[in-house]
Amino acid sequence: MTAPSTYQWFKSSYSGGSGTECVECASVEDGALVRDSKREGGPCIAVEAQAWDAFVQSLGPRRAGAR
């Protein structure tokens, strides 16, 4: 799947500011899209909602003040 530019892409607050090795995500009706932040027009991975929710839950709660 090619990543359309019409989505609201976001990076993790844990991503570094140097612009290297980051992924971006976009919420879609039935899940999420994930792409390489350095390849905005490149391919992306579509993840179904149930799988995305399980992934996010597995990360656990964020620590207060962590970015």
PDB file of N, CA and C in Angstrom:
ATOM      1  N   MET A   1       0.846  -1.178   0.000  1.00  0.00           N
ATOM      2  CA  MET A   1       0.000   0.000   0.000  1.00  0.00           C
ATOM      3  C   MET A   1       0.888   1.236   0.000  1.00  0.00           C
ATOM      4  N   THR A   2       0.561   2.192  -0.832  1.00  0.00           N
ATOM      5  CA  THR A   2       1.294   3.459  -0.844  1.00  0.00           C
ATOM      6  C   THR A   2       0.620   4.405   0.141  1.00  0.00           C
ATOM      7  N   ALA A   3       1.430   5.176   0.854  1.00  0.00           N
ATOM      8  CA  ALA A   3       0.918   6.035   1.919  1.00  0.00           C
ATOM      9  C   ALA A   3       0.338   7.330   1.350  1.00  0.00           C
ATOM     10  N   PRO A   4      -0.983   7.477   1.329  1.00  0.00           N
ATOM     11  CA  PRO A   4      -1.582   8.725   0.855  1.00  0.00           C
ATOM     12  C   PRO A   4      -1.257   9.875   1.798  1.00  0.00           C
ATOM     13  N   SER A   5      -1.151  11.065   1.252  1.00  0.00           N
ATOM     14  CA  SER A   5      -0.796  12.232   2.059  1.00  0.00           C
ATOM     15  C   SER A   5      -2.011  12.834   2.765  1.00  0.00           C
ATOM     16  N   THR A   6      -3.201  12.286   2.557  1.00  0.00           N
ATOM     17  CA  THR A   6      -4.410  12.857   3.148  1.00  0.00           C
ATOM     18  C   THR A   6      -4.603  12.474   4.607  1.00  0.00           C
ATOM     19  N   TYR A   7      -3.792  11.576   5.132  1.00  0.00           N
ATOM     20  CA  TYR A   7      -3.924  11.148   6.522  1.00  0.00           C
ATOM     21  C   TYR A   7      -3.178  12.077   7.463  1.00  0.00           C
ATOM     22  N   GLN A   8      -3.597  12.091   8.724  1.00  0.00           N
ATOM     23  CA  GLN A   8      -2.932  12.863   9.773  1.00  0.00           C
ATOM     24  C   GLN A   8      -1.846  11.979  10.383  1.00  0.00           C
ATOM     25  N   TRP A   9      -0.620  12.102   9.910  1.00  0.00           N
ATOM     26  CA  TRP A   9       0.495  11.279  10.387  1.00  0.00           C
ATOM     27  C   TRP A   9       1.078  11.888  11.650  1.00  0.00           C
ATOM     28  N   PHE A  10       1.542  11.030  12.555  1.00  0.00           N
ATOM     29  CA  PHE A  10       2.180  11.513  13.781  1.00  0.00           C
ATOM     30  C   PHE A  10       3.344  10.596  14.129  1.00  0.00           C
ATOM     31  N   LYS A  11       4.310  11.161  14.849  1.00  0.00           N
ATOM     32  CA  LYS A  11       5.469  10.397  15.337  1.00  0.00           C
ATOM     33  C   LYS A  11       5.329  10.209  16.838  1.00  0.00           C
ATOM     34  N   SER A  12       5.942   9.188  17.338  1.00  0.00           N
ATOM     35  CA  SER A  12       5.961   8.947  18.769  1.00  0.00           C
ATOM     36  C   SER A  12       6.690  10.077  19.472  1.00  0.00           C
ATOM     37  N   SER A  13       6.245  10.366  20.682  1.00  0.00           N
ATOM     38  CA  SER A  13       6.954  11.377  21.476  1.00  0.00           C
ATOM     39  C   SER A  13       8.334  10.865  21.890  1.00  0.00           C
ATOM     40  N   TYR A  14       8.588   9.562  21.703  1.00  0.00           N
ATOM     41  CA  TYR A  14       9.891   8.981  22.003  1.00  0.00           C
ATOM     42  C   TYR A  14      10.859   9.121  20.831  1.00  0.00           C
ATOM     43  N   SER A  15      10.381   9.566  19.669  1.00  0.00           N
ATOM     44  CA  SER A  15      11.254   9.711  18.503  1.00  0.00           C
ATOM     45  C   SER A  15      12.263  10.823  18.744  1.00  0.00           C
ATOM     46  N   GLY A  16      13.466  10.610  18.275  1.00  0.00           N
ATOM     47  CA  GLY A  16      14.502  11.620  18.412  1.00  0.00           C
ATOM     48  C   GLY A  16      14.273  12.772  17.455  1.00  0.00           C
ATOM     49  N   GLY A  17      14.892  13.893  17.701  1.00  0.00           N
ATOM     50  CA  GLY A  17      14.741  15.062  16.853  1.00  0.00           C
ATOM     51  C   GLY A  17      15.683  15.090  15.681  1.00  0.00           C
ATOM     52  N   SER A  18      16.542  14.089  15.544  1.00  0.00           N
ATOM     53  CA  SER A  18      17.547  14.098  14.485  1.00  0.00           C
ATOM     54  C   SER A  18      16.998  13.685  13.123  1.00  0.00           C
ATOM     55  N   GLY A  19      15.767  13.180  13.068  1.00  0.00           N
ATOM     56  CA  GLY A  19      15.169  12.789  11.803  1.00  0.00           C
ATOM     57  C   GLY A  19      15.608  11.429  11.300  1.00  0.00           C
ATOM     58  N   THR A  20      16.226  10.618  12.149  1.00  0.00           N
ATOM     59  CA  THR A  20      16.667   9.299  11.728  1.00  0.00           C
ATOM     60  C   THR A  20      15.851   8.215  12.403  1.00  0.00           C
ATOM     61  N   GLU A  21      15.678   7.114  11.716  1.00  0.00           N
ATOM     62  CA  GLU A  21      15.075   5.908  12.257  1.00  0.00           C
ATOM     63  C   GLU A  21      13.750   6.141  12.984  1.00  0.00           C
ATOM     64  N   CYS A  22      12.850   6.861  12.364  1.00  0.00           N
ATOM     65  CA  CYS A  22      11.544   7.109  12.958  1.00  0.00           C
ATOM     66  C   CYS A  22      10.460   6.476  12.093  1.00  0.00           C
ATOM     67  N   VAL A  23       9.387   6.103  12.735  1.00  0.00           N
ATOM     68  CA  VAL A  23       8.201   5.677  12.013  1.00  0.00           C
ATOM     69  C   VAL A  23       7.094   6.668  12.329  1.00  0.00           C
ATOM     70  N   GLU A  24       6.144   6.762  11.434  1.00  0.00           N
ATOM     71  CA  GLU A  24       4.973   7.595  11.630  1.00  0.00           C
ATOM     72  C   GLU A  24       3.749   6.703  11.554  1.00  0.00           C
ATOM     73  N   CYS A  25       2.708   7.101  12.252  1.00  0.00           N
ATOM     74  CA  CYS A  25       1.456   6.355  12.256  1.00  0.00           C
ATOM     75  C   CYS A  25       0.313   7.296  11.898  1.00  0.00           C
ATOM     76  N   ALA A  26      -0.728   6.718  11.357  1.00  0.00           N
ATOM     77  CA  ALA A  26      -1.951   7.453  11.072  1.00  0.00           C
ATOM     78  C   ALA A  26      -3.123   6.564  11.462  1.00  0.00           C
ATOM     79  N   SER A  27      -4.095   7.143  12.144  1.00  0.00           N
ATOM     80  CA  SER A  27      -5.297   6.409  12.496  1.00  0.00           C
ATOM     81  C   SER A  27      -6.235   6.391  11.303  1.00  0.00           C
ATOM     82  N   VAL A  28      -6.796   5.232  11.028  1.00  0.00           N
ATOM     83  CA  VAL A  28      -7.797   5.088   9.979  1.00  0.00           C
ATOM     84  C   VAL A  28      -8.995   4.382  10.586  1.00  0.00           C
ATOM     85  N   GLU A  29     -10.104   4.374   9.882  1.00  0.00           N
ATOM     86  CA  GLU A  29     -11.355   3.835  10.414  1.00  0.00           C
ATOM     87  C   GLU A  29     -11.230   2.409  10.934  1.00  0.00           C
ATOM     88  N   ASP A  30     -10.481   1.577  10.239  1.00  0.00           N
ATOM     89  CA  ASP A  30     -10.406   0.164  10.620  1.00  0.00           C
ATOM     90  C   ASP A  30      -9.050  -0.251  11.162  1.00  0.00           C
ATOM     91  N   GLY A  31      -8.256   0.720  11.683  1.00  0.00           N
ATOM     92  CA  GLY A  31      -6.967   0.375  12.266  1.00  0.00           C
ATOM     93  C   GLY A  31      -5.973   1.523  12.212  1.00  0.00           C
ATOM     94  N   ALA A  32      -4.779   1.206  11.746  1.00  0.00           N
ATOM     95  CA  ALA A  32      -3.705   2.203  11.694  1.00  0.00           C
ATOM     96  C   ALA A  32      -2.810   1.936  10.489  1.00  0.00           C
ATOM     97  N   LEU A  33      -2.145   2.982  10.049  1.00  0.00           N
ATOM     98  CA  LEU A  33      -1.126   2.871   9.007  1.00  0.00           C
ATOM     99  C   LEU A  33       0.213   3.212   9.637  1.00  0.00           C
ATOM    100  N   VAL A  34       1.265   2.545   9.193  1.00  0.00           N
ATOM    101  CA  VAL A  34       2.613   2.783   9.709  1.00  0.00           C
ATOM    102  C   VAL A  34       3.541   2.937   8.514  1.00  0.00           C
ATOM    103  N   ARG A  35       4.415   3.954   8.559  1.00  0.00           N
ATOM    104  CA  ARG A  35       5.353   4.175   7.460  1.00  0.00           C
ATOM    105  C   ARG A  35       6.680   4.702   7.988  1.00  0.00           C
ATOM    106  N   ASP A  36       7.684   4.658   7.146  1.00  0.00           N
ATOM    107  CA  ASP A  36       9.003   5.223   7.434  1.00  0.00           C
ATOM    108  C   ASP A  36       8.891   6.738   7.278  1.00  0.00           C
ATOM    109  N   SER A  37       9.268   7.489   8.291  1.00  0.00           N
ATOM    110  CA  SER A  37       9.125   8.948   8.243  1.00  0.00           C
ATOM    111  C   SER A  37      10.007   9.594   7.175  1.00  0.00           C
ATOM    112  N   LYS A  38      11.022   8.896   6.736  1.00  0.00           N
ATOM    113  CA  LYS A  38      11.908   9.448   5.706  1.00  0.00           C
ATOM    114  C   LYS A  38      11.380   9.199   4.293  1.00  0.00           C
ATOM    115  N   ARG A  39      10.312   8.403   4.173  1.00  0.00           N
ATOM    116  CA  ARG A  39       9.737   8.075   2.873  1.00  0.00           C
ATOM    117  C   ARG A  39       8.251   8.394   2.881  1.00  0.00           C
ATOM    118  N   GLU A  40       7.933   9.682   2.977  1.00  0.00           N
ATOM    119  CA  GLU A  40       6.547  10.112   3.128  1.00  0.00           C
ATOM    120  C   GLU A  40       5.632   9.601   2.023  1.00  0.00           C
ATOM    121  N   GLY A  41       6.113   9.499   0.812  1.00  0.00           N
ATOM    122  CA  GLY A  41       5.293   9.019  -0.287  1.00  0.00           C
ATOM    123  C   GLY A  41       5.470   7.542  -0.546  1.00  0.00           C
ATOM    124  N   GLY A  42       6.248   6.880   0.288  1.00  0.00           N
ATOM    125  CA  GLY A  42       6.560   5.477   0.094  1.00  0.00           C
ATOM    126  C   GLY A  42       5.489   4.555   0.624  1.00  0.00           C
ATOM    127  N   PRO A  43       5.802   3.283   0.668  1.00  0.00           N
ATOM    128  CA  PRO A  43       4.822   2.296   1.122  1.00  0.00           C
ATOM    129  C   PRO A  43       4.544   2.411   2.614  1.00  0.00           C
ATOM    130  N   CYS A  44       3.406   1.864   3.014  1.00  0.00           N
ATOM    131  CA  CYS A  44       3.068   1.822   4.426  1.00  0.00           C
ATOM    132  C   CYS A  44       2.450   0.468   4.733  1.00  0.00           C
ATOM    133  N   ILE A  45       2.379   0.163   6.000  1.00  0.00           N
ATOM    134  CA  ILE A  45       1.794  -1.088   6.474  1.00  0.00           C
ATOM    135  C   ILE A  45       0.435  -0.761   7.077  1.00  0.00           C
ATOM    136  N   ALA A  46      -0.584  -1.491   6.666  1.00  0.00           N
ATOM    137  CA  ALA A  46      -1.918  -1.341   7.244  1.00  0.00           C
ATOM    138  C   ALA A  46      -2.085  -2.395   8.337  1.00  0.00           C
ATOM    139  N   VAL A  47      -2.499  -1.960   9.523  1.00  0.00           N
ATOM    140  CA  VAL A  47      -2.678  -2.851  10.666  1.00  0.00           C
ATOM    141  C   VAL A  47      -4.143  -2.774  11.092  1.00  0.00           C
ATOM    142  N   GLU A  48      -4.793  -3.930  11.198  1.00  0.00           N
ATOM    143  CA  GLU A  48      -6.193  -3.957  11.617  1.00  0.00           C
ATOM    144  C   GLU A  48      -6.342  -3.450  13.045  1.00  0.00           C
ATOM    145  N   ALA A  49      -7.507  -2.909  13.345  1.00  0.00           N
ATOM    146  CA  ALA A  49      -7.760  -2.264  14.634  1.00  0.00           C
ATOM    147  C   ALA A  49      -7.468  -3.184  15.824  1.00  0.00           C
ATOM    148  N   GLN A  50      -7.924  -4.428  15.767  1.00  0.00           N
ATOM    149  CA  GLN A  50      -7.717  -5.342  16.898  1.00  0.00           C
ATOM    150  C   GLN A  50      -6.228  -5.583  17.137  1.00  0.00           C
ATOM    151  N   ALA A  51      -5.463  -5.771  16.079  1.00  0.00           N
ATOM    152  CA  ALA A  51      -4.019  -5.998  16.212  1.00  0.00           C
ATOM    153  C   ALA A  51      -3.323  -4.735  16.715  1.00  0.00           C
ATOM    154  N   TRP A  52      -3.725  -3.571  16.216  1.00  0.00           N
ATOM    155  CA  TRP A  52      -3.116  -2.309  16.654  1.00  0.00           C
ATOM    156  C   TRP A  52      -3.404  -2.066  18.135  1.00  0.00           C
ATOM    157  N   ASP A  53      -4.644  -2.291  18.541  1.00  0.00           N
ATOM    158  CA  ASP A  53      -5.001  -2.102  19.952  1.00  0.00           C
ATOM    159  C   ASP A  53      -4.196  -3.035  20.851  1.00  0.00           C
ATOM    160  N   ALA A  54      -4.027  -4.284  20.434  1.00  0.00           N
ATOM    161  CA  ALA A  54      -3.239  -5.236  21.225  1.00  0.00           C
ATOM    162  C   ALA A  54      -1.784  -4.776  21.322  1.00  0.00           C
ATOM    163  N   PHE A  55      -1.237  -4.269  20.226  1.00  0.00           N
ATOM    164  CA  PHE A  55       0.139  -3.763  20.223  1.00  0.00           C
ATOM    165  C   PHE A  55       0.284  -2.591  21.194  1.00  0.00           C
ATOM    166  N   VAL A  56      -0.604  -1.630  21.100  1.00  0.00           N
ATOM    167  CA  VAL A  56      -0.529  -0.446  21.965  1.00  0.00           C
ATOM    168  C   VAL A  56      -0.689  -0.847  23.432  1.00  0.00           C
ATOM    169  N   GLN A  57      -1.624  -1.751  23.723  1.00  0.00           N
ATOM    170  CA  GLN A  57      -1.820  -2.212  25.105  1.00  0.00           C
ATOM    171  C   GLN A  57      -0.576  -2.923  25.635  1.00  0.00           C
ATOM    172  N   SER A  58       0.127  -3.628  24.769  1.00  0.00           N
ATOM    173  CA  SER A  58       1.331  -4.360  25.214  1.00  0.00           C
ATOM    174  C   SER A  58       2.457  -3.430  25.623  1.00  0.00           C
ATOM    175  N   LEU A  59       2.396  -2.177  25.199  1.00  0.00           N
ATOM    176  CA  LEU A  59       3.441  -1.226  25.553  1.00  0.00           C
ATOM    177  C   LEU A  59       3.319  -0.762  26.992  1.00  0.00           C
ATOM    178  N   GLY A  60       2.138  -0.933  27.583  1.00  0.00           N
ATOM    179  CA  GLY A  60       1.923  -0.535  28.968  1.00  0.00           C
ATOM    180  C   GLY A  60       1.704   0.947  29.102  1.00  0.00           C
ATOM    181  N   PRO A  61       1.401   1.386  30.316  1.00  0.00           N
ATOM    182  CA  PRO A  61       1.158   2.820  30.547  1.00  0.00           C
ATOM    183  C   PRO A  61       2.450   3.619  30.416  1.00  0.00           C
ATOM    184  N   ARG A  62       2.286   4.827  29.927  1.00  0.00           N
ATOM    185  CA  ARG A  62       3.443   5.730  29.812  1.00  0.00           C
ATOM    186  C   ARG A  62       3.867   6.212  31.176  1.00  0.00           C
ATOM    187  N   ARG A  63       5.161   6.369  31.343  1.00  0.00           N
ATOM    188  CA  ARG A  63       5.660   6.954  32.598  1.00  0.00           C
ATOM    189  C   ARG A  63       5.373   8.449  32.585  1.00  0.00           C
ATOM    190  N   ALA A  64       5.059   9.011  33.717  1.00  0.00           N
ATOM    191  CA  ALA A  64       4.774  10.440  33.825  1.00  0.00           C
ATOM    192  C   ALA A  64       5.994  11.241  33.396  1.00  0.00           C
ATOM    193  N   GLY A  65       5.801  12.156  32.499  1.00  0.00           N
ATOM    194  CA  GLY A  65       6.887  13.032  32.059  1.00  0.00           C
ATOM    195  C   GLY A  65       7.783  12.445  31.001  1.00  0.00           C
ATOM    196  N   ALA A  66       7.602  11.212  30.629  1.00  0.00           N
ATOM    197  CA  ALA A  66       8.461  10.594  29.604  1.00  0.00           C
ATOM    198  C   ALA A  66       8.055  11.084  28.224  1.00  0.00           C
ATOM    199  N   ARG A  67       9.031  11.366  27.427  1.00  0.00           N
ATOM    200  CA  ARG A  67       8.770  11.829  26.050  1.00  0.00           C
ATOM    201  C   ARG A  67       9.706  11.169  25.101  1.00  0.00           C
TER     202      ARG A  67
END
